[in-house]
Amino acid sequence: MDDNKVAVLLEDLRVQFRTFGEGLQLLNDKVDQGFDTLNNRIDRLEASNHQEHQQLHQMISDLNQEVKKLDTEVVQLKRIK
């Protein structure tokens, strides 16, 4: 093979590798963007879950206080009888 044919072949390979590399970079950017989107969704879900957990904890605390009040009232009613 003469030098000109080798040079043309090498240039063709460089172009193909450059095109392949650009395609990989685009794919990498899309994957990164997808991960960023998922991470943002997870962060919002965790914040929402934390808030709901606090609300449920408060509701349980309130219910416990109501039960204690009812227990006290039942004891007082038994004493009255």
PDB file of N, CA and C in Angstrom:
ATOM      1  N   MET A   1       0.853  -1.180   0.000  1.00  0.00           N
ATOM      2  CA  MET A   1       0.000   0.000   0.000  1.00  0.00           C
ATOM      3  C   MET A   1       0.897   1.240   0.000  1.00  0.00           C
ATOM      4  N   ASP A   2       0.572   2.176  -0.839  1.00  0.00           N
ATOM      5  CA  ASP A   2       1.426   3.364  -0.870  1.00  0.00           C
ATOM      6  C   ASP A   2       1.015   4.356   0.210  1.00  0.00           C
ATOM      7  N   ASP A   3       1.882   5.313   0.456  1.00  0.00           N
ATOM      8  CA  ASP A   3       1.697   6.268   1.548  1.00  0.00           C
ATOM      9  C   ASP A   3       0.407   7.072   1.415  1.00  0.00           C
ATOM     10  N   ASN A   4       0.006   7.424   0.206  1.00  0.00           N
ATOM     11  CA  ASN A   4      -1.218   8.209  -0.003  1.00  0.00           C
ATOM     12  C   ASN A   4      -2.453   7.425   0.429  1.00  0.00           C
ATOM     13  N   LYS A   5      -2.501   6.154   0.088  1.00  0.00           N
ATOM     14  CA  LYS A   5      -3.659   5.331   0.471  1.00  0.00           C
ATOM     15  C   LYS A   5      -3.708   5.151   1.987  1.00  0.00           C
ATOM     16  N   VAL A   6      -2.565   4.982   2.605  1.00  0.00           N
ATOM     17  CA  VAL A   6      -2.501   4.838   4.060  1.00  0.00           C
ATOM     18  C   VAL A   6      -2.962   6.140   4.719  1.00  0.00           C
ATOM     19  N   ALA A   7      -2.532   7.275   4.199  1.00  0.00           N
ATOM     20  CA  ALA A   7      -2.922   8.572   4.755  1.00  0.00           C
ATOM     21  C   ALA A   7      -4.428   8.775   4.642  1.00  0.00           C
ATOM     22  N   VAL A   8      -4.988   8.404   3.483  1.00  0.00           N
ATOM     23  CA  VAL A   8      -6.441   8.540   3.292  1.00  0.00           C
ATOM     24  C   VAL A   8      -7.180   7.622   4.258  1.00  0.00           C
ATOM     25  N   LEU A   9      -6.701   6.400   4.408  1.00  0.00           N
ATOM     26  CA  LEU A   9      -7.331   5.443   5.324  1.00  0.00           C
ATOM     27  C   LEU A   9      -7.261   5.942   6.766  1.00  0.00           C
ATOM     28  N   LEU A  10      -6.099   6.465   7.159  1.00  0.00           N
ATOM     29  CA  LEU A  10      -5.953   6.986   8.516  1.00  0.00           C
ATOM     30  C   LEU A  10      -6.865   8.190   8.757  1.00  0.00           C
ATOM     31  N   GLU A  11      -6.976   9.070   7.784  1.00  0.00           N
ATOM     32  CA  GLU A  11      -7.859  10.229   7.927  1.00  0.00           C
ATOM     33  C   GLU A  11      -9.311   9.784   8.056  1.00  0.00           C
ATOM     34  N   ASP A  12      -9.701   8.787   7.268  1.00  0.00           N
ATOM     35  CA  ASP A  12     -11.068   8.255   7.354  1.00  0.00           C
ATOM     36  C   ASP A  12     -11.325   7.671   8.741  1.00  0.00           C
ATOM     37  N   LEU A  13     -10.346   6.945   9.266  1.00  0.00           N
ATOM     38  CA  LEU A  13     -10.501   6.377  10.615  1.00  0.00           C
ATOM     39  C   LEU A  13     -10.612   7.477  11.665  1.00  0.00           C
ATOM     40  N   ARG A  14      -9.822   8.541  11.535  1.00  0.00           N
ATOM     41  CA  ARG A  14      -9.889   9.666  12.477  1.00  0.00           C
ATOM     42  C   ARG A  14     -11.270  10.306  12.466  1.00  0.00           C
ATOM     43  N   VAL A  15     -11.814  10.506  11.269  1.00  0.00           N
ATOM     44  CA  VAL A  15     -13.144  11.111  11.147  1.00  0.00           C
ATOM     45  C   VAL A  15     -14.190  10.211  11.807  1.00  0.00           C
ATOM     46  N   GLN A  16     -14.087   8.913  11.549  1.00  0.00           N
ATOM     47  CA  GLN A  16     -15.060   7.981  12.135  1.00  0.00           C
ATOM     48  C   GLN A  16     -14.950   7.952  13.659  1.00  0.00           C
ATOM     49  N   PHE A  17     -13.720   7.947  14.172  1.00  0.00           N
ATOM     50  CA  PHE A  17     -13.537   7.967  15.624  1.00  0.00           C
ATOM     51  C   PHE A  17     -14.040   9.274  16.229  1.00  0.00           C
ATOM     52  N   ARG A  18     -13.816  10.386  15.536  1.00  0.00           N
ATOM     53  CA  ARG A  18     -14.297  11.681  16.026  1.00  0.00           C
ATOM     54  C   ARG A  18     -15.831  11.676  16.085  1.00  0.00           C
ATOM     55  N   THR A  19     -16.452  11.166  15.022  1.00  0.00           N
ATOM     56  CA  THR A  19     -17.919  11.084  14.973  1.00  0.00           C
ATOM     57  C   THR A  19     -18.432  10.171  16.086  1.00  0.00           C
ATOM     58  N   PHE A  20     -17.755   9.039  16.267  1.00  0.00           N
ATOM     59  CA  PHE A  20     -18.140   8.113  17.326  1.00  0.00           C
ATOM     60  C   PHE A  20     -18.004   8.776  18.693  1.00  0.00           C
ATOM     61  N   GLY A  21     -16.901   9.484  18.916  1.00  0.00           N
ATOM     62  CA  GLY A  21     -16.679  10.177  20.189  1.00  0.00           C
ATOM     63  C   GLY A  21     -17.729  11.239  20.454  1.00  0.00           C
ATOM     64  N   GLU A  22     -18.106  11.976  19.407  1.00  0.00           N
ATOM     65  CA  GLU A  22     -19.157  12.999  19.567  1.00  0.00           C
ATOM     66  C   GLU A  22     -20.485  12.350  19.930  1.00  0.00           C
ATOM     67  N   GLY A  23     -20.774  11.208  19.294  1.00  0.00           N
ATOM     68  CA  GLY A  23     -22.002  10.487  19.632  1.00  0.00           C
ATOM     69  C   GLY A  23     -21.995  10.005  21.066  1.00  0.00           C
ATOM     70  N   LEU A  24     -20.846   9.499  21.513  1.00  0.00           N
ATOM     71  CA  LEU A  24     -20.734   9.065  22.904  1.00  0.00           C
ATOM     72  C   LEU A  24     -20.922  10.231  23.863  1.00  0.00           C
ATOM     73  N   GLN A  25     -20.382  11.395  23.505  1.00  0.00           N
ATOM     74  CA  GLN A  25     -20.530  12.567  24.370  1.00  0.00           C
ATOM     75  C   GLN A  25     -21.996  12.976  24.475  1.00  0.00           C
ATOM     76  N   LEU A  26     -22.717  12.943  23.356  1.00  0.00           N
ATOM     77  CA  LEU A  26     -24.153  13.270  23.381  1.00  0.00           C
ATOM     78  C   LEU A  26     -24.910  12.286  24.267  1.00  0.00           C
ATOM     79  N   LEU A  27     -24.571  10.996  24.115  1.00  0.00           N
ATOM     80  CA  LEU A  27     -25.222   9.975  24.943  1.00  0.00           C
ATOM     81  C   LEU A  27     -24.896  10.192  26.413  1.00  0.00           C
ATOM     82  N   ASN A  28     -23.652  10.497  26.707  1.00  0.00           N
ATOM     83  CA  ASN A  28     -23.234  10.754  28.087  1.00  0.00           C
ATOM     84  C   ASN A  28     -23.992  11.950  28.670  1.00  0.00           C
ATOM     85  N   ASP A  29     -24.144  13.000  27.874  1.00  0.00           N
ATOM     86  CA  ASP A  29     -24.890  14.175  28.331  1.00  0.00           C
ATOM     87  C   ASP A  29     -26.346  13.826  28.630  1.00  0.00           C
ATOM     88  N   LYS A  30     -26.958  13.003  27.761  1.00  0.00           N
ATOM     89  CA  LYS A  30     -28.352  12.605  27.991  1.00  0.00           C
ATOM     90  C   LYS A  30     -28.483  11.768  29.256  1.00  0.00           C
ATOM     91  N   VAL A  31     -27.537  10.862  29.469  1.00  0.00           N
ATOM     92  CA  VAL A  31     -27.563  10.019  30.678  1.00  0.00           C
ATOM     93  C   VAL A  31     -27.396  10.892  31.919  1.00  0.00           C
ATOM     94  N   ASP A  32     -26.449  11.833  31.868  1.00  0.00           N
ATOM     95  CA  ASP A  32     -26.256  12.747  33.002  1.00  0.00           C
ATOM     96  C   ASP A  32     -27.517  13.552  33.283  1.00  0.00           C
ATOM     97  N   GLN A  33     -28.157  14.037  32.233  1.00  0.00           N
ATOM     98  CA  GLN A  33     -29.391  14.810  32.400  1.00  0.00           C
ATOM     99  C   GLN A  33     -30.486  13.934  33.011  1.00  0.00           C
ATOM    100  N   GLY A  34     -30.562  12.681  32.569  1.00  0.00           N
ATOM    101  CA  GLY A  34     -31.545  11.758  33.138  1.00  0.00           C
ATOM    102  C   GLY A  34     -31.298  11.515  34.620  1.00  0.00           C
ATOM    103  N   PHE A  35     -30.031  11.335  34.991  1.00  0.00           N
ATOM    104  CA  PHE A  35     -29.706  11.138  36.403  1.00  0.00           C
ATOM    105  C   PHE A  35     -30.027  12.379  37.221  1.00  0.00           C
ATOM    106  N   ASP A  36     -29.743  13.549  36.666  1.00  0.00           N
ATOM    107  CA  ASP A  36     -30.073  14.786  37.380  1.00  0.00           C
ATOM    108  C   ASP A  36     -31.580  14.887  37.624  1.00  0.00           C
ATOM    109  N   THR A  37     -32.357  14.553  36.596  1.00  0.00           N
ATOM    110  CA  THR A  37     -33.816  14.588  36.725  1.00  0.00           C
ATOM    111  C   THR A  37     -34.278  13.612  37.806  1.00  0.00           C
ATOM    112  N   LEU A  38     -33.739  12.393  37.769  1.00  0.00           N
ATOM    113  CA  LEU A  38     -34.117  11.396  38.782  1.00  0.00           C
ATOM    114  C   LEU A  38     -33.703  11.830  40.182  1.00  0.00           C
ATOM    115  N   ASN A  39     -32.515  12.382  40.311  1.00  0.00           N
ATOM    116  CA  ASN A  39     -32.067  12.848  41.623  1.00  0.00           C
ATOM    117  C   ASN A  39     -32.965  13.954  42.155  1.00  0.00           C
ATOM    118  N   ASN A  40     -33.392  14.862  41.285  1.00  0.00           N
ATOM    119  CA  ASN A  40     -34.310  15.918  41.713  1.00  0.00           C
ATOM    120  C   ASN A  40     -35.638  15.340  42.169  1.00  0.00           C
ATOM    121  N   ARG A  41     -36.140  14.355  41.438  1.00  0.00           N
ATOM    122  CA  ARG A  41     -37.408  13.716  41.833  1.00  0.00           C
ATOM    123  C   ARG A  41     -37.259  13.011  43.173  1.00  0.00           C
ATOM    124  N   ILE A  42     -36.152  12.329  43.365  1.00  0.00           N
ATOM    125  CA  ILE A  42     -35.913  11.626  44.633  1.00  0.00           C
ATOM    126  C   ILE A  42     -35.834  12.627  45.782  1.00  0.00           C
ATOM    127  N   ASP A  43     -35.143  13.735  45.550  1.00  0.00           N
ATOM    128  CA  ASP A  43     -35.047  14.764  46.593  1.00  0.00           C
ATOM    129  C   ASP A  43     -36.425  15.288  46.977  1.00  0.00           C
ATOM    130  N   ARG A  44     -37.284  15.541  45.971  1.00  0.00           N
ATOM    131  CA  ARG A  44     -38.634  16.034  46.267  1.00  0.00           C
ATOM    132  C   ARG A  44     -39.447  14.978  47.014  1.00  0.00           C
ATOM    133  N   LEU A  45     -39.316  13.719  46.617  1.00  0.00           N
ATOM    134  CA  LEU A  45     -40.039  12.644  47.301  1.00  0.00           C
ATOM    135  C   LEU A  45     -39.566  12.495  48.747  1.00  0.00           C
ATOM    136  N   GLU A  46     -38.264  12.596  48.958  1.00  0.00           N
ATOM    137  CA  GLU A  46     -37.747  12.493  50.322  1.00  0.00           C
ATOM    138  C   GLU A  46     -38.254  13.630  51.190  1.00  0.00           C
ATOM    139  N   ALA A  47     -38.295  14.838  50.630  1.00  0.00           N
ATOM    140  CA  ALA A  47     -38.805  15.984  51.395  1.00  0.00           C
ATOM    141  C   ALA A  47     -40.280  15.790  51.712  1.00  0.00           C
ATOM    142  N   SER A  48     -41.034  15.340  50.718  1.00  0.00           N
ATOM    143  CA  SER A  48     -42.466  15.102  50.929  1.00  0.00           C
ATOM    144  C   SER A  48     -42.679  13.994  51.952  1.00  0.00           C
ATOM    145  N   ASN A  49     -41.890  12.931  51.848  1.00  0.00           N
ATOM    146  CA  ASN A  49     -41.999  11.817  52.784  1.00  0.00           C
ATOM    147  C   ASN A  49     -41.669  12.272  54.199  1.00  0.00           C
ATOM    148  N   HIS A  50     -40.657  13.115  54.332  1.00  0.00           N
ATOM    149  CA  HIS A  50     -40.277  13.618  55.656  1.00  0.00           C
ATOM    150  C   HIS A  50     -41.420  14.434  56.261  1.00  0.00           C
ATOM    151  N   GLN A  51     -42.025  15.278  55.452  1.00  0.00           N
ATOM    152  CA  GLN A  51     -43.132  16.116  55.938  1.00  0.00           C
ATOM    153  C   GLN A  51     -44.321  15.242  56.343  1.00  0.00           C
ATOM    154  N   GLU A  52     -44.653  14.256  55.513  1.00  0.00           N
ATOM    155  CA  GLU A  52     -45.770  13.364  55.844  1.00  0.00           C
ATOM    156  C   GLU A  52     -45.465  12.558  57.098  1.00  0.00           C
ATOM    157  N   HIS A  53     -44.216  12.141  57.265  1.00  0.00           N
ATOM    158  CA  HIS A  53     -43.829  11.404  58.475  1.00  0.00           C
ATOM    159  C   HIS A  53     -44.037  12.270  59.710  1.00  0.00           C
ATOM    160  N   GLN A  54     -43.639  13.536  59.618  1.00  0.00           N
ATOM    161  CA  GLN A  54     -43.832  14.441  60.756  1.00  0.00           C
ATOM    162  C   GLN A  54     -45.322  14.632  61.055  1.00  0.00           C
ATOM    163  N   GLN A  55     -46.132  14.757  60.015  1.00  0.00           N
ATOM    164  CA  GLN A  55     -47.576  14.922  60.218  1.00  0.00           C
ATOM    165  C   GLN A  55     -48.173  13.685  60.874  1.00  0.00           C
ATOM    166  N   LEU A  56     -47.771  12.494  60.409  1.00  0.00           N
ATOM    167  CA  LEU A  56     -48.277  11.258  61.011  1.00  0.00           C
ATOM    168  C   LEU A  56     -47.837  11.143  62.470  1.00  0.00           C
ATOM    169  N   HIS A  57     -46.607  11.501  62.746  1.00  0.00           N
ATOM    170  CA  HIS A  57     -46.112  11.471  64.123  1.00  0.00           C
ATOM    171  C   HIS A  57     -46.927  12.409  65.012  1.00  0.00           C
ATOM    172  N   GLN A  58     -47.240  13.586  64.498  1.00  0.00           N
ATOM    173  CA  GLN A  58     -48.055  14.539  65.265  1.00  0.00           C
ATOM    174  C   GLN A  58     -49.462  13.994  65.484  1.00  0.00           C
ATOM    175  N   MET A  59     -50.032  13.363  64.454  1.00  0.00           N
ATOM    176  CA  MET A  59     -51.375  12.795  64.592  1.00  0.00           C
ATOM    177  C   MET A  59     -51.390  11.697  65.657  1.00  0.00           C
ATOM    178  N   ILE A  60     -50.353  10.855  65.667  1.00  0.00           N
ATOM    179  CA  ILE A  60     -50.273   9.792  66.671  1.00  0.00           C
ATOM    180  C   ILE A  60     -50.150  10.386  68.064  1.00  0.00           C
ATOM    181  N   SER A  61     -49.348  11.420  68.185  1.00  0.00           N
ATOM    182  CA  SER A  61     -49.189  12.087  69.470  1.00  0.00           C
ATOM    183  C   SER A  61     -50.515  12.675  69.938  1.00  0.00           C
ATOM    184  N   ASP A  62     -51.225  13.324  69.019  1.00  0.00           N
ATOM    185  CA  ASP A  62     -52.537  13.894  69.361  1.00  0.00           C
ATOM    186  C   ASP A  62     -53.518  12.811  69.779  1.00  0.00           C
ATOM    187  N   LEU A  63     -53.520  11.695  69.052  1.00  0.00           N
ATOM    188  CA  LEU A  63     -54.423  10.591  69.401  1.00  0.00           C
ATOM    189  C   LEU A  63     -54.082  10.012  70.772  1.00  0.00           C
ATOM    190  N   ASN A  64     -52.800   9.891  71.063  1.00  0.00           N
ATOM    191  CA  ASN A  64     -52.395   9.396  72.387  1.00  0.00           C
ATOM    192  C   ASN A  64     -52.897  10.312  73.493  1.00  0.00           C
ATOM    193  N   GLN A  65     -52.818  11.607  73.271  1.00  0.00           N
ATOM    194  CA  GLN A  65     -53.312  12.557  74.265  1.00  0.00           C
ATOM    195  C   GLN A  65     -54.821  12.423  74.428  1.00  0.00           C
ATOM    196  N   GLU A  66     -55.544  12.237  73.341  1.00  0.00           N
ATOM    197  CA  GLU A  66     -56.992  12.066  73.415  1.00  0.00           C
ATOM    198  C   GLU A  66     -57.352  10.786  74.166  1.00  0.00           C
ATOM    199  N   VAL A  67     -56.599   9.722  73.914  1.00  0.00           N
ATOM    200  CA  VAL A  67     -56.849   8.456  74.613  1.00  0.00           C
ATOM    201  C   VAL A  67     -56.605   8.629  76.110  1.00  0.00           C
ATOM    202  N   LYS A  68     -55.544   9.324  76.469  1.00  0.00           N
ATOM    203  CA  LYS A  68     -55.258   9.572  77.884  1.00  0.00           C
ATOM    204  C   LYS A  68     -56.381  10.379  78.535  1.00  0.00           C
ATOM    205  N   LYS A  69     -56.897  11.375  77.817  1.00  0.00           N
ATOM    206  CA  LYS A  69     -58.008  12.166  78.345  1.00  0.00           C
ATOM    207  C   LYS A  69     -59.233  11.283  78.547  1.00  0.00           C
ATOM    208  N   LEU A  70     -59.506  10.429  77.550  1.00  0.00           N
ATOM    209  CA  LEU A  70     -60.665   9.537  77.678  1.00  0.00           C
ATOM    210  C   LEU A  70     -60.483   8.568  78.841  1.00  0.00           C
ATOM    211  N   ASP A  71     -59.282   8.043  79.010  1.00  0.00           N
ATOM    212  CA  ASP A  71     -59.012   7.142  80.136  1.00  0.00           C
ATOM    213  C   ASP A  71     -59.264   7.852  81.461  1.00  0.00           C
ATOM    214  N   THR A  72     -58.817   9.102  81.552  1.00  0.00           N
ATOM    215  CA  THR A  72     -59.012   9.880  82.772  1.00  0.00           C
ATOM    216  C   THR A  72     -60.505  10.099  83.012  1.00  0.00           C
ATOM    217  N   GLU A  73     -61.248  10.404  81.958  1.00  0.00           N
ATOM    218  CA  GLU A  73     -62.688  10.630  82.106  1.00  0.00           C
ATOM    219  C   GLU A  73     -63.409   9.353  82.515  1.00  0.00           C
ATOM    220  N   VAL A  74     -62.980   8.211  81.965  1.00  0.00           N
ATOM    221  CA  VAL A  74     -63.598   6.934  82.325  1.00  0.00           C
ATOM    222  C   VAL A  74     -63.334   6.631  83.797  1.00  0.00           C
ATOM    223  N   VAL A  75     -62.129   6.860  84.252  1.00  0.00           N
ATOM    224  CA  VAL A  75     -61.793   6.616  85.661  1.00  0.00           C
ATOM    225  C   VAL A  75     -62.638   7.516  86.550  1.00  0.00           C
ATOM    226  N   GLN A  76     -62.781   8.776  86.170  1.00  0.00           N
ATOM    227  CA  GLN A  76     -63.586   9.708  86.972  1.00  0.00           C
ATOM    228  C   GLN A  76     -65.060   9.289  86.989  1.00  0.00           C
ATOM    229  N   LEU A  77     -65.554   8.812  85.861  1.00  0.00           N
ATOM    230  CA  LEU A  77     -66.952   8.348  85.803  1.00  0.00           C
ATOM    231  C   LEU A  77     -67.137   7.116  86.707  1.00  0.00           C
ATOM    232  N   LYS A  78     -66.179   6.237  86.713  1.00  0.00           N
ATOM    233  CA  LYS A  78     -66.271   5.046  87.576  1.00  0.00           C
ATOM    234  C   LYS A  78     -66.285   5.469  89.045  1.00  0.00           C
ATOM    235  N   ARG A  79     -65.527   6.475  89.409  1.00  0.00           N
ATOM    236  CA  ARG A  79     -65.494   6.943  90.780  1.00  0.00           C
ATOM    237  C   ARG A  79     -66.830   7.574  91.158  1.00  0.00           C
ATOM    238  N   ILE A  80     -67.432   8.269  90.225  1.00  0.00           N
ATOM    239  CA  ILE A  80     -68.718   8.913  90.501  1.00  0.00           C
ATOM    240  C   ILE A  80     -69.786   7.886  90.753  1.00  0.00           C
ATOM    241  N   LYS A  81     -69.761   6.784  90.008  1.00  0.00           N
ATOM    242  CA  LYS A  81     -70.782   5.743  90.175  1.00  0.00           C
ATOM    243  C   LYS A  81     -70.616   5.133  91.512  1.00  0.00           C
TER     244      LYS A  81
END
